[in-house]
Amino acid sequence: MRYRLLLILLWLPMMLLAQAPKKVTLQVLGSGGPELTDKRASASYLVWIDDKSRFLVDFGGGASLRFEESGAKVEDLDAVLLTHLHIDHTSDLPALIKGAFFSDRKRDLPIYGPEGNDVMPATSGFVFRLFESGKGAWEYMGDFLDGRAAFALKPNDIPESRSPLTLFSENNVSVEAVSVHHGPIPAVAYRINVGKRSITFSGDMNGSYHTLEALAKGTDILVMHNAVPKGATGIAAQLHMTPKTIGEIAAAANPKILILSHRMMRTIGKELETIAEIRKYYKGKIKFADDGNRFLAL
């Protein structure tokens, strides 16, 4: 009996260690914005856990090709996380679902995104407008909503909240979200926690809610969008963070590495100016994203 107990005590830590995720990687599928001149796919990111493509964050134009190039599998996805519903963050979603028809996926696919307002539909309404039988833009794919396909789409609306909300928690993996300010467009930031590692995504925002700082505190990788240059004003600055704001938020969150993505023609070529502005506040590691880049969460 004592020998059996000793074996159990030795075996249990080994089993827990074997079940704990070992490697967490961010892959940039799309590092650009809505322009047709930047030679980049629009915003999209994959989070790999132990070499499986588990979370997809945004899926703008060109991202479906990058998804294929990455070797990712639709059947491995635990969820699609949409920061907001602008075209350059969502336009390849129908391509993903159509492609999934030819995959081995059998389990339902959750799609998370913000609730709506008088400018944008809720994420659930957005998905139904795309695919609902008899009404959707691609109504022939309505079987992905009514249960006739091999798996169903499960859209989830994230309520407006200035405090982080836990959306998903299972097997040492969790996803949190918080509302961020993107002008009149409902938008959220996400943090994906895998054991003690984490990757946080700002999405498009101007920083005026001051909610990202808490969500991203101590994260391994913080992805922020460098869509406007130093000194930006007007509508651009109402929608996006200037390098000064990026630096201030990064200093408060103190990530191990800051990844600058959603690069646009108005910021490409101004990297030195951008870094100099961010460095006034944040002294950590900074990388500019390009399509296909991979970053290991340490």
C-alpha atoms as a PDB file:
ATOM      1  CA  MET A   1       0.000   0.000   0.000  1.00  0.00           C
ATOM      2  CA  ARG A   2       2.788   2.407   0.933  1.00  0.00           C
ATOM      3  CA  TYR A   3       4.660   1.429  -2.266  1.00  0.00           C
ATOM      4  CA  ARG A   4       1.544   2.145  -4.366  1.00  0.00           C
ATOM      5  CA  LEU A   5       1.083   5.538  -2.690  1.00  0.00           C
ATOM      6  CA  LEU A   6       4.709   6.404  -3.438  1.00  0.00           C
ATOM      7  CA  LEU A   7       4.197   5.536  -7.106  1.00  0.00           C
ATOM      8  CA  ILE A   8       1.109   7.763  -7.263  1.00  0.00           C
ATOM      9  CA  LEU A   9       2.967  10.661  -5.650  1.00  0.00           C
ATOM     10  CA  LEU A  10       5.773  10.294  -8.193  1.00  0.00           C
ATOM     11  CA  TRP A  11       3.409   9.819 -11.143  1.00  0.00           C
ATOM     12  CA  LEU A  12       1.035  12.747 -10.462  1.00  0.00           C
ATOM     13  CA  PRO A  13       3.565  15.600 -10.885  1.00  0.00           C
ATOM     14  CA  MET A  14       4.828  13.955 -14.083  1.00  0.00           C
ATOM     15  CA  MET A  15       1.301  13.771 -15.477  1.00  0.00           C
ATOM     16  CA  LEU A  16       0.557  17.403 -14.572  1.00  0.00           C
ATOM     17  CA  LEU A  17       3.813  18.463 -16.187  1.00  0.00           C
ATOM     18  CA  ALA A  18       2.993  16.472 -19.308  1.00  0.00           C
ATOM     19  CA  GLN A  19      -0.418  18.154 -19.563  1.00  0.00           C
ATOM     20  CA  ALA A  20       0.882  21.700 -19.077  1.00  0.00           C
ATOM     21  CA  PRO A  21       1.453  23.606 -22.345  1.00  0.00           C
ATOM     22  CA  LYS A  22       5.153  23.795 -23.147  1.00  0.00           C
ATOM     23  CA  LYS A  23       5.447  26.340 -25.959  1.00  0.00           C
ATOM     24  CA  VAL A  24       3.389  29.442 -26.777  1.00  0.00           C
ATOM     25  CA  THR A  25       4.064  31.307 -30.017  1.00  0.00           C
ATOM     26  CA  LEU A  26       2.581  34.376 -31.653  1.00  0.00           C
ATOM     27  CA  GLN A  27       2.496  34.336 -35.455  1.00  0.00           C
ATOM     28  CA  VAL A  28       1.691  37.493 -37.385  1.00  0.00           C
ATOM     29  CA  LEU A  29      -0.494  36.575 -40.367  1.00  0.00           C
ATOM     30  CA  GLY A  30      -1.278  40.155 -41.378  1.00  0.00           C
ATOM     31  CA  SER A  31       0.765  43.170 -40.283  1.00  0.00           C
ATOM     32  CA  GLY A  32      -0.945  45.801 -42.437  1.00  0.00           C
ATOM     33  CA  GLY A  33      -4.088  47.873 -42.497  1.00  0.00           C
ATOM     34  CA  PRO A  34      -6.807  48.497 -45.097  1.00  0.00           C
ATOM     35  CA  GLU A  35      -4.512  49.912 -47.797  1.00  0.00           C
ATOM     36  CA  LEU A  36      -3.854  48.178 -51.113  1.00  0.00           C
ATOM     37  CA  THR A  37      -0.345  49.608 -51.429  1.00  0.00           C
ATOM     38  CA  ASP A  38       1.477  48.263 -48.357  1.00  0.00           C
ATOM     39  CA  LYS A  39       2.141  44.743 -49.740  1.00  0.00           C
ATOM     40  CA  ARG A  40       0.875  43.251 -46.481  1.00  0.00           C
ATOM     41  CA  ALA A  41      -2.132  41.230 -45.420  1.00  0.00           C
ATOM     42  CA  SER A  42      -4.540  43.106 -43.170  1.00  0.00           C
ATOM     43  CA  ALA A  43      -4.560  42.568 -39.413  1.00  0.00           C
ATOM     44  CA  SER A  44      -4.535  38.946 -38.269  1.00  0.00           C
ATOM     45  CA  TYR A  45      -2.672  36.847 -35.694  1.00  0.00           C
ATOM     46  CA  LEU A  46      -2.375  33.205 -34.670  1.00  0.00           C
ATOM     47  CA  VAL A  47      -1.535  31.906 -31.226  1.00  0.00           C
ATOM     48  CA  TRP A  48       0.158  28.518 -31.368  1.00  0.00           C
ATOM     49  CA  ILE A  49       0.196  26.290 -28.292  1.00  0.00           C
ATOM     50  CA  ASP A  50       2.499  23.299 -28.472  1.00  0.00           C
ATOM     51  CA  ASP A  51       2.634  23.648 -32.272  1.00  0.00           C
ATOM     52  CA  LYS A  52      -1.142  23.710 -32.714  1.00  0.00           C
ATOM     53  CA  SER A  53      -2.982  26.767 -34.074  1.00  0.00           C
ATOM     54  CA  ARG A  54      -5.375  27.372 -31.189  1.00  0.00           C
ATOM     55  CA  PHE A  55      -6.549  31.014 -31.354  1.00  0.00           C
ATOM     56  CA  LEU A  56      -7.112  33.293 -34.336  1.00  0.00           C
ATOM     57  CA  VAL A  57      -7.250  37.031 -33.584  1.00  0.00           C
ATOM     58  CA  ASP A  58      -8.843  39.029 -36.430  1.00  0.00           C
ATOM     59  CA  PHE A  59      -8.827  37.856 -40.044  1.00  0.00           C
ATOM     60  CA  GLY A  60      -8.534  40.734 -42.508  1.00  0.00           C
ATOM     61  CA  GLY A  61      -7.917  40.701 -46.244  1.00  0.00           C
ATOM     62  CA  GLY A  62      -5.111  38.364 -47.333  1.00  0.00           C
ATOM     63  CA  ALA A  63      -5.027  36.531 -44.009  1.00  0.00           C
ATOM     64  CA  SER A  64      -6.542  33.348 -45.460  1.00  0.00           C
ATOM     65  CA  LEU A  65      -3.488  32.890 -47.691  1.00  0.00           C
ATOM     66  CA  ARG A  66      -1.152  33.585 -44.768  1.00  0.00           C
ATOM     67  CA  PHE A  67      -3.127  31.055 -42.683  1.00  0.00           C
ATOM     68  CA  GLU A  68      -2.519  28.429 -45.354  1.00  0.00           C
ATOM     69  CA  GLU A  69       1.165  29.337 -45.634  1.00  0.00           C
ATOM     70  CA  SER A  70       1.596  29.004 -41.864  1.00  0.00           C
ATOM     71  CA  GLY A  71       0.522  25.362 -41.864  1.00  0.00           C
ATOM     72  CA  ALA A  72      -2.321  26.098 -39.435  1.00  0.00           C
ATOM     73  CA  LYS A  73      -5.353  23.804 -39.325  1.00  0.00           C
ATOM     74  CA  VAL A  74      -8.916  25.015 -38.910  1.00  0.00           C
ATOM     75  CA  GLU A  75      -9.744  21.934 -36.883  1.00  0.00           C
ATOM     76  CA  ASP A  76      -7.231  22.979 -34.195  1.00  0.00           C
ATOM     77  CA  LEU A  77      -8.813  26.395 -33.518  1.00  0.00           C
ATOM     78  CA  ASP A  78     -10.428  26.858 -30.104  1.00  0.00           C
ATOM     79  CA  ALA A  79     -11.901  30.259 -31.022  1.00  0.00           C
ATOM     80  CA  VAL A  80     -11.836  33.223 -33.381  1.00  0.00           C
ATOM     81  CA  LEU A  81     -11.393  36.527 -31.521  1.00  0.00           C
ATOM     82  CA  LEU A  82     -12.476  39.678 -33.380  1.00  0.00           C
ATOM     83  CA  THR A  83     -11.267  42.948 -31.895  1.00  0.00           C
ATOM     84  CA  HIS A  84     -13.871  44.866 -33.911  1.00  0.00           C
ATOM     85  CA  LEU A  85     -15.771  44.538 -37.166  1.00  0.00           C
ATOM     86  CA  HIS A  86     -13.960  46.873 -39.556  1.00  0.00           C
ATOM     87  CA  ILE A  87     -13.334  45.328 -42.984  1.00  0.00           C
ATOM     88  CA  ASP A  88      -9.564  45.108 -42.573  1.00  0.00           C
ATOM     89  CA  HIS A  89     -10.056  42.921 -39.474  1.00  0.00           C
ATOM     90  CA  THR A  90     -12.844  40.610 -40.657  1.00  0.00           C
ATOM     91  CA  SER A  91     -13.083  40.388 -44.451  1.00  0.00           C
ATOM     92  CA  ASP A  92     -11.510  36.916 -44.827  1.00  0.00           C
ATOM     93  CA  LEU A  93     -13.841  35.304 -42.271  1.00  0.00           C
ATOM     94  CA  PRO A  94     -16.129  33.881 -45.004  1.00  0.00           C
ATOM     95  CA  ALA A  95     -13.053  32.379 -46.695  1.00  0.00           C
ATOM     96  CA  LEU A  96     -12.068  30.714 -43.426  1.00  0.00           C
ATOM     97  CA  ILE A  97     -15.496  29.160 -42.951  1.00  0.00           C
ATOM     98  CA  LYS A  98     -15.740  28.028 -46.558  1.00  0.00           C
ATOM     99  CA  GLY A  99     -12.284  26.484 -46.312  1.00  0.00           C
ATOM    100  CA  ALA A 100     -13.296  24.746 -43.088  1.00  0.00           C
ATOM    101  CA  PHE A 101     -15.911  22.824 -45.096  1.00  0.00           C
ATOM    102  CA  PHE A 102     -13.012  20.882 -46.604  1.00  0.00           C
ATOM    103  CA  SER A 103     -11.305  20.272 -43.255  1.00  0.00           C
ATOM    104  CA  ASP A 104     -11.723  17.577 -40.618  1.00  0.00           C
ATOM    105  CA  ARG A 105     -13.290  19.956 -38.113  1.00  0.00           C
ATOM    106  CA  LYS A 106     -16.219  18.457 -36.205  1.00  0.00           C
ATOM    107  CA  ARG A 107     -16.510  20.623 -33.056  1.00  0.00           C
ATOM    108  CA  ASP A 108     -18.339  23.957 -32.967  1.00  0.00           C
ATOM    109  CA  LEU A 109     -16.322  27.139 -33.567  1.00  0.00           C
ATOM    110  CA  PRO A 110     -16.844  30.020 -31.095  1.00  0.00           C
ATOM    111  CA  ILE A 111     -16.482  33.514 -32.565  1.00  0.00           C
ATOM    112  CA  TYR A 112     -16.071  36.313 -30.020  1.00  0.00           C
ATOM    113  CA  GLY A 113     -16.380  40.022 -30.688  1.00  0.00           C
ATOM    114  CA  PRO A 114     -17.912  43.232 -29.321  1.00  0.00           C
ATOM    115  CA  GLU A 115     -21.584  43.963 -28.866  1.00  0.00           C
ATOM    116  CA  GLY A 116     -23.100  46.460 -31.282  1.00  0.00           C
ATOM    117  CA  ASN A 117     -24.277  50.054 -31.219  1.00  0.00           C
ATOM    118  CA  ASP A 118     -26.039  52.386 -33.658  1.00  0.00           C
ATOM    119  CA  VAL A 119     -22.971  52.342 -35.939  1.00  0.00           C
ATOM    120  CA  MET A 120     -22.037  48.641 -36.040  1.00  0.00           C
ATOM    121  CA  PRO A 121     -23.960  45.389 -35.538  1.00  0.00           C
ATOM    122  CA  ALA A 122     -23.184  43.059 -32.681  1.00  0.00           C
ATOM    123  CA  THR A 123     -20.812  40.233 -33.554  1.00  0.00           C
ATOM    124  CA  SER A 124     -23.685  37.736 -33.534  1.00  0.00           C
ATOM    125  CA  GLY A 125     -25.673  39.917 -35.932  1.00  0.00           C
ATOM    126  CA  PHE A 126     -22.598  40.323 -38.134  1.00  0.00           C
ATOM    127  CA  VAL A 127     -22.142  36.554 -38.409  1.00  0.00           C
ATOM    128  CA  PHE A 128     -25.837  35.993 -39.134  1.00  0.00           C
ATOM    129  CA  ARG A 129     -25.824  38.726 -41.795  1.00  0.00           C
ATOM    130  CA  LEU A 130     -23.029  36.843 -43.518  1.00  0.00           C
ATOM    131  CA  PHE A 131     -24.427  33.322 -43.431  1.00  0.00           C
ATOM    132  CA  GLU A 132     -28.069  33.093 -42.285  1.00  0.00           C
ATOM    133  CA  SER A 133     -30.259  30.966 -44.552  1.00  0.00           C
ATOM    134  CA  GLY A 134     -32.613  33.094 -46.612  1.00  0.00           C
ATOM    135  CA  LYS A 135     -31.062  36.381 -45.495  1.00  0.00           C
ATOM    136  CA  GLY A 136     -27.280  36.266 -45.425  1.00  0.00           C
ATOM    137  CA  ALA A 137     -24.839  37.563 -48.003  1.00  0.00           C
ATOM    138  CA  TRP A 138     -23.616  33.957 -48.369  1.00  0.00           C
ATOM    139  CA  GLU A 139     -26.887  32.314 -47.383  1.00  0.00           C
ATOM    140  CA  TYR A 140     -25.904  29.053 -49.055  1.00  0.00           C
ATOM    141  CA  MET A 141     -23.620  28.541 -46.043  1.00  0.00           C
ATOM    142  CA  GLY A 142     -26.495  28.832 -43.585  1.00  0.00           C
ATOM    143  CA  ASP A 143     -25.994  25.230 -42.538  1.00  0.00           C
ATOM    144  CA  PHE A 144     -23.085  26.453 -40.405  1.00  0.00           C
ATOM    145  CA  LEU A 145     -25.637  28.297 -38.265  1.00  0.00           C
ATOM    146  CA  ASP A 146     -28.577  25.903 -38.168  1.00  0.00           C
ATOM    147  CA  GLY A 147     -26.752  22.709 -37.224  1.00  0.00           C
ATOM    148  CA  ARG A 148     -26.739  20.928 -40.586  1.00  0.00           C
ATOM    149  CA  ALA A 149     -22.991  21.281 -41.196  1.00  0.00           C
ATOM    150  CA  ALA A 150     -20.241  19.193 -39.611  1.00  0.00           C
ATOM    151  CA  PHE A 151     -19.821  21.968 -37.041  1.00  0.00           C
ATOM    152  CA  ALA A 152     -21.682  25.136 -36.086  1.00  0.00           C
ATOM    153  CA  LEU A 153     -20.540  28.721 -35.708  1.00  0.00           C
ATOM    154  CA  LYS A 154     -21.199  30.023 -32.197  1.00  0.00           C
ATOM    155  CA  PRO A 155     -21.006  33.849 -32.144  1.00  0.00           C
ATOM    156  CA  ASN A 156     -20.640  35.512 -28.742  1.00  0.00           C
ATOM    157  CA  ASP A 157     -21.170  39.228 -28.037  1.00  0.00           C
ATOM    158  CA  ILE A 158     -18.791  40.734 -25.478  1.00  0.00           C
ATOM    159  CA  PRO A 159     -20.563  43.410 -23.414  1.00  0.00           C
ATOM    160  CA  GLU A 160     -18.958  46.810 -22.983  1.00  0.00           C
ATOM    161  CA  SER A 161     -16.761  46.651 -19.881  1.00  0.00           C
ATOM    162  CA  ARG A 162     -13.931  48.799 -18.563  1.00  0.00           C
ATOM    163  CA  SER A 163     -12.794  45.874 -16.387  1.00  0.00           C
ATOM    164  CA  PRO A 164     -11.369  42.645 -17.867  1.00  0.00           C
ATOM    165  CA  LEU A 165     -13.868  39.845 -18.470  1.00  0.00           C
ATOM    166  CA  THR A 166     -12.936  36.159 -18.651  1.00  0.00           C
ATOM    167  CA  LEU A 167     -14.404  34.633 -21.827  1.00  0.00           C
ATOM    168  CA  PHE A 168     -12.838  31.193 -21.810  1.00  0.00           C
ATOM    169  CA  SER A 169     -10.987  29.120 -19.225  1.00  0.00           C
ATOM    170  CA  GLU A 170     -10.084  25.474 -19.686  1.00  0.00           C
ATOM    171  CA  ASN A 171      -7.051  23.213 -19.258  1.00  0.00           C
ATOM    172  CA  ASN A 172      -4.700  25.948 -18.079  1.00  0.00           C
ATOM    173  CA  VAL A 173      -5.714  28.265 -20.949  1.00  0.00           C
ATOM    174  CA  SER A 174      -7.904  31.359 -20.578  1.00  0.00           C
ATOM    175  CA  VAL A 175      -8.955  34.374 -22.629  1.00  0.00           C
ATOM    176  CA  GLU A 176      -9.768  37.794 -21.191  1.00  0.00           C
ATOM    177  CA  ALA A 177     -11.219  40.859 -22.924  1.00  0.00           C
ATOM    178  CA  VAL A 178     -11.772  44.518 -22.120  1.00  0.00           C
ATOM    179  CA  SER A 179     -13.386  47.372 -24.028  1.00  0.00           C
ATOM    180  CA  VAL A 180     -11.095  49.875 -25.745  1.00  0.00           C
ATOM    181  CA  HIS A 181     -11.841  53.187 -27.462  1.00  0.00           C
ATOM    182  CA  HIS A 182     -11.846  53.085 -31.275  1.00  0.00           C
ATOM    183  CA  GLY A 183     -13.874  56.185 -32.001  1.00  0.00           C
ATOM    184  CA  PRO A 184     -17.556  55.266 -32.534  1.00  0.00           C
ATOM    185  CA  ILE A 185     -16.732  51.618 -33.290  1.00  0.00           C
ATOM    186  CA  PRO A 186     -17.222  49.028 -30.504  1.00  0.00           C
ATOM    187  CA  ALA A 187     -13.847  47.379 -29.927  1.00  0.00           C
ATOM    188  CA  VAL A 188     -12.112  45.062 -27.470  1.00  0.00           C
ATOM    189  CA  ALA A 189      -8.573  44.055 -26.541  1.00  0.00           C
ATOM    190  CA  TYR A 190      -7.715  40.432 -25.702  1.00  0.00           C
ATOM    191  CA  ARG A 191      -5.282  38.630 -23.433  1.00  0.00           C
ATOM    192  CA  ILE A 192      -4.611  34.929 -23.973  1.00  0.00           C
ATOM    193  CA  ASN A 193      -3.108  33.219 -20.921  1.00  0.00           C
ATOM    194  CA  VAL A 194      -1.420  29.839 -21.252  1.00  0.00           C
ATOM    195  CA  GLY A 195      -0.139  28.746 -17.877  1.00  0.00           C
ATOM    196  CA  LYS A 196       2.275  31.487 -16.792  1.00  0.00           C
ATOM    197  CA  ARG A 197       2.708  32.834 -20.330  1.00  0.00           C
ATOM    198  CA  SER A 198       0.486  35.382 -22.046  1.00  0.00           C
ATOM    199  CA  ILE A 199      -0.003  37.340 -25.251  1.00  0.00           C
ATOM    200  CA  THR A 200      -2.088  40.531 -25.318  1.00  0.00           C
ATOM    201  CA  PHE A 201      -3.603  42.247 -28.369  1.00  0.00           C
ATOM    202  CA  SER A 202      -4.617  45.899 -28.292  1.00  0.00           C
ATOM    203  CA  GLY A 203      -6.586  45.866 -31.544  1.00  0.00           C
ATOM    204  CA  ASP A 204      -7.341  49.323 -32.935  1.00  0.00           C
ATOM    205  CA  MET A 205      -7.755  51.926 -30.178  1.00  0.00           C
ATOM    206  CA  ASN A 206      -6.705  55.422 -29.163  1.00  0.00           C
ATOM    207  CA  GLY A 207      -5.990  54.711 -25.498  1.00  0.00           C
ATOM    208  CA  SER A 208      -8.499  57.111 -23.982  1.00  0.00           C
ATOM    209  CA  TYR A 209     -10.308  54.429 -21.927  1.00  0.00           C
ATOM    210  CA  HIS A 210      -7.052  53.512 -20.132  1.00  0.00           C
ATOM    211  CA  THR A 211      -8.176  49.878 -19.946  1.00  0.00           C
ATOM    212  CA  LEU A 212      -5.371  48.145 -21.842  1.00  0.00           C
ATOM    213  CA  GLU A 213      -2.796  48.958 -19.164  1.00  0.00           C
ATOM    214  CA  ALA A 214      -4.476  46.669 -16.619  1.00  0.00           C
ATOM    215  CA  LEU A 215      -5.292  43.894 -19.100  1.00  0.00           C
ATOM    216  CA  ALA A 216      -1.715  43.761 -20.410  1.00  0.00           C
ATOM    217  CA  LYS A 217       0.085  44.138 -17.073  1.00  0.00           C
ATOM    218  CA  GLY A 218       3.159  41.897 -17.034  1.00  0.00           C
ATOM    219  CA  THR A 219       2.277  40.131 -20.299  1.00  0.00           C
ATOM    220  CA  ASP A 220       5.034  38.368 -22.238  1.00  0.00           C
ATOM    221  CA  ILE A 221       4.069  39.792 -25.639  1.00  0.00           C
ATOM    222  CA  LEU A 222       2.023  42.940 -26.228  1.00  0.00           C
ATOM    223  CA  VAL A 223       0.839  43.547 -29.801  1.00  0.00           C
ATOM    224  CA  MET A 224      -0.040  47.205 -30.399  1.00  0.00           C
ATOM    225  CA  HIS A 225      -1.105  48.926 -33.596  1.00  0.00           C
ATOM    226  CA  ASN A 226       1.203  51.509 -35.145  1.00  0.00           C
ATOM    227  CA  ALA A 227      -1.333  52.960 -37.576  1.00  0.00           C
ATOM    228  CA  VAL A 228      -0.602  56.673 -37.107  1.00  0.00           C
ATOM    229  CA  PRO A 229       2.680  58.606 -36.767  1.00  0.00           C
ATOM    230  CA  LYS A 230       3.905  61.056 -34.180  1.00  0.00           C
ATOM    231  CA  GLY A 231       1.838  64.237 -34.218  1.00  0.00           C
ATOM    232  CA  ALA A 232      -1.271  62.684 -35.788  1.00  0.00           C
ATOM    233  CA  THR A 233      -4.483  64.661 -35.208  1.00  0.00           C
ATOM    234  CA  GLY A 234      -8.119  64.618 -36.278  1.00  0.00           C
ATOM    235  CA  ILE A 235     -10.000  61.407 -37.087  1.00  0.00           C
ATOM    236  CA  ALA A 236      -6.800  59.347 -37.291  1.00  0.00           C
ATOM    237  CA  ALA A 237      -5.873  60.206 -33.697  1.00  0.00           C
ATOM    238  CA  GLN A 238      -9.455  59.582 -32.530  1.00  0.00           C
ATOM    239  CA  LEU A 239      -9.228  56.023 -33.861  1.00  0.00           C
ATOM    240  CA  HIS A 240      -5.597  55.050 -33.248  1.00  0.00           C
ATOM    241  CA  MET A 241      -2.732  55.386 -30.768  1.00  0.00           C
ATOM    242  CA  THR A 242       0.086  57.783 -31.486  1.00  0.00           C
ATOM    243  CA  PRO A 243       3.607  56.524 -30.649  1.00  0.00           C
ATOM    244  CA  LYS A 244       3.445  58.616 -27.458  1.00  0.00           C
ATOM    245  CA  THR A 245       0.321  56.753 -26.315  1.00  0.00           C
ATOM    246  CA  ILE A 246       1.868  53.413 -27.268  1.00  0.00           C
ATOM    247  CA  GLY A 247       4.899  54.266 -25.146  1.00  0.00           C
ATOM    248  CA  GLU A 248       2.849  55.342 -22.153  1.00  0.00           C
ATOM    249  CA  ILE A 249       0.701  52.202 -22.199  1.00  0.00           C
ATOM    250  CA  ALA A 250       3.706  49.922 -22.738  1.00  0.00           C
ATOM    251  CA  ALA A 251       5.507  51.572 -19.815  1.00  0.00           C
ATOM    252  CA  ALA A 252       2.501  50.929 -17.544  1.00  0.00           C
ATOM    253  CA  ALA A 253       2.018  47.324 -18.747  1.00  0.00           C
ATOM    254  CA  ASN A 254       5.753  46.495 -18.921  1.00  0.00           C
ATOM    255  CA  PRO A 255       5.612  43.579 -21.391  1.00  0.00           C
ATOM    256  CA  LYS A 256       8.716  41.519 -22.090  1.00  0.00           C
ATOM    257  CA  ILE A 257       8.421  42.459 -25.759  1.00  0.00           C
ATOM    258  CA  LEU A 258       6.338  45.049 -27.616  1.00  0.00           C
ATOM    259  CA  ILE A 259       5.291  44.150 -31.169  1.00  0.00           C
ATOM    260  CA  LEU A 260       4.207  47.013 -33.430  1.00  0.00           C
ATOM    261  CA  SER A 261       1.793  45.894 -36.136  1.00  0.00           C
ATOM    262  CA  HIS A 262      -1.076  47.256 -38.311  1.00  0.00           C
ATOM    263  CA  ARG A 263       1.615  49.228 -40.099  1.00  0.00           C
ATOM    264  CA  MET A 264       0.338  51.697 -42.676  1.00  0.00           C
ATOM    265  CA  MET A 265       1.940  53.837 -45.361  1.00  0.00           C
ATOM    266  CA  ARG A 266       1.796  56.848 -43.038  1.00  0.00           C
ATOM    267  CA  THR A 267       3.997  55.031 -40.481  1.00  0.00           C
ATOM    268  CA  ILE A 268       6.167  52.797 -42.681  1.00  0.00           C
ATOM    269  CA  GLY A 269       9.505  54.554 -43.110  1.00  0.00           C
ATOM    270  CA  LYS A 270       9.121  56.398 -39.809  1.00  0.00           C
ATOM    271  CA  GLU A 271      10.291  53.548 -37.600  1.00  0.00           C
ATOM    272  CA  LEU A 272      13.209  55.458 -36.051  1.00  0.00           C
ATOM    273  CA  GLU A 273      10.949  58.389 -35.193  1.00  0.00           C
ATOM    274  CA  THR A 274       8.378  56.008 -33.732  1.00  0.00           C
ATOM    275  CA  ILE A 275      10.921  54.152 -31.598  1.00  0.00           C
ATOM    276  CA  ALA A 276      12.419  57.417 -30.342  1.00  0.00           C
ATOM    277  CA  GLU A 277       8.987  58.577 -29.175  1.00  0.00           C
ATOM    278  CA  ILE A 278       8.136  55.244 -27.514  1.00  0.00           C
ATOM    279  CA  ARG A 279      11.550  55.126 -25.816  1.00  0.00           C
ATOM    280  CA  LYS A 280      10.691  58.257 -23.845  1.00  0.00           C
ATOM    281  CA  TYR A 281       8.417  55.997 -21.792  1.00  0.00           C
ATOM    282  CA  TYR A 282       9.070  52.295 -22.472  1.00  0.00           C
ATOM    283  CA  LYS A 283      12.611  50.896 -22.242  1.00  0.00           C
ATOM    284  CA  GLY A 284      11.895  47.270 -23.129  1.00  0.00           C
ATOM    285  CA  LYS A 285      12.317  45.271 -26.312  1.00  0.00           C
ATOM    286  CA  ILE A 286      10.510  46.543 -29.444  1.00  0.00           C
ATOM    287  CA  LYS A 287       9.961  44.745 -32.747  1.00  0.00           C
ATOM    288  CA  PHE A 288       8.122  45.844 -35.894  1.00  0.00           C
ATOM    289  CA  ALA A 289       5.859  43.134 -37.306  1.00  0.00           C
ATOM    290  CA  ASP A 290       5.973  41.743 -40.823  1.00  0.00           C
ATOM    291  CA  ASP A 291       3.697  39.071 -42.278  1.00  0.00           C
ATOM    292  CA  GLY A 292       4.805  35.597 -41.190  1.00  0.00           C
ATOM    293  CA  ASN A 293       6.861  36.693 -38.170  1.00  0.00           C
ATOM    294  CA  ARG A 294       6.869  34.353 -35.173  1.00  0.00           C
ATOM    295  CA  PHE A 295       7.587  35.385 -31.593  1.00  0.00           C
ATOM    296  CA  LEU A 296       8.016  32.936 -28.723  1.00  0.00           C
ATOM    297  CA  ALA A 297       6.415  33.846 -25.388  1.00  0.00           C
ATOM    298  CA  LEU A 298       9.086  33.361 -22.714  1.00  0.00           C
END
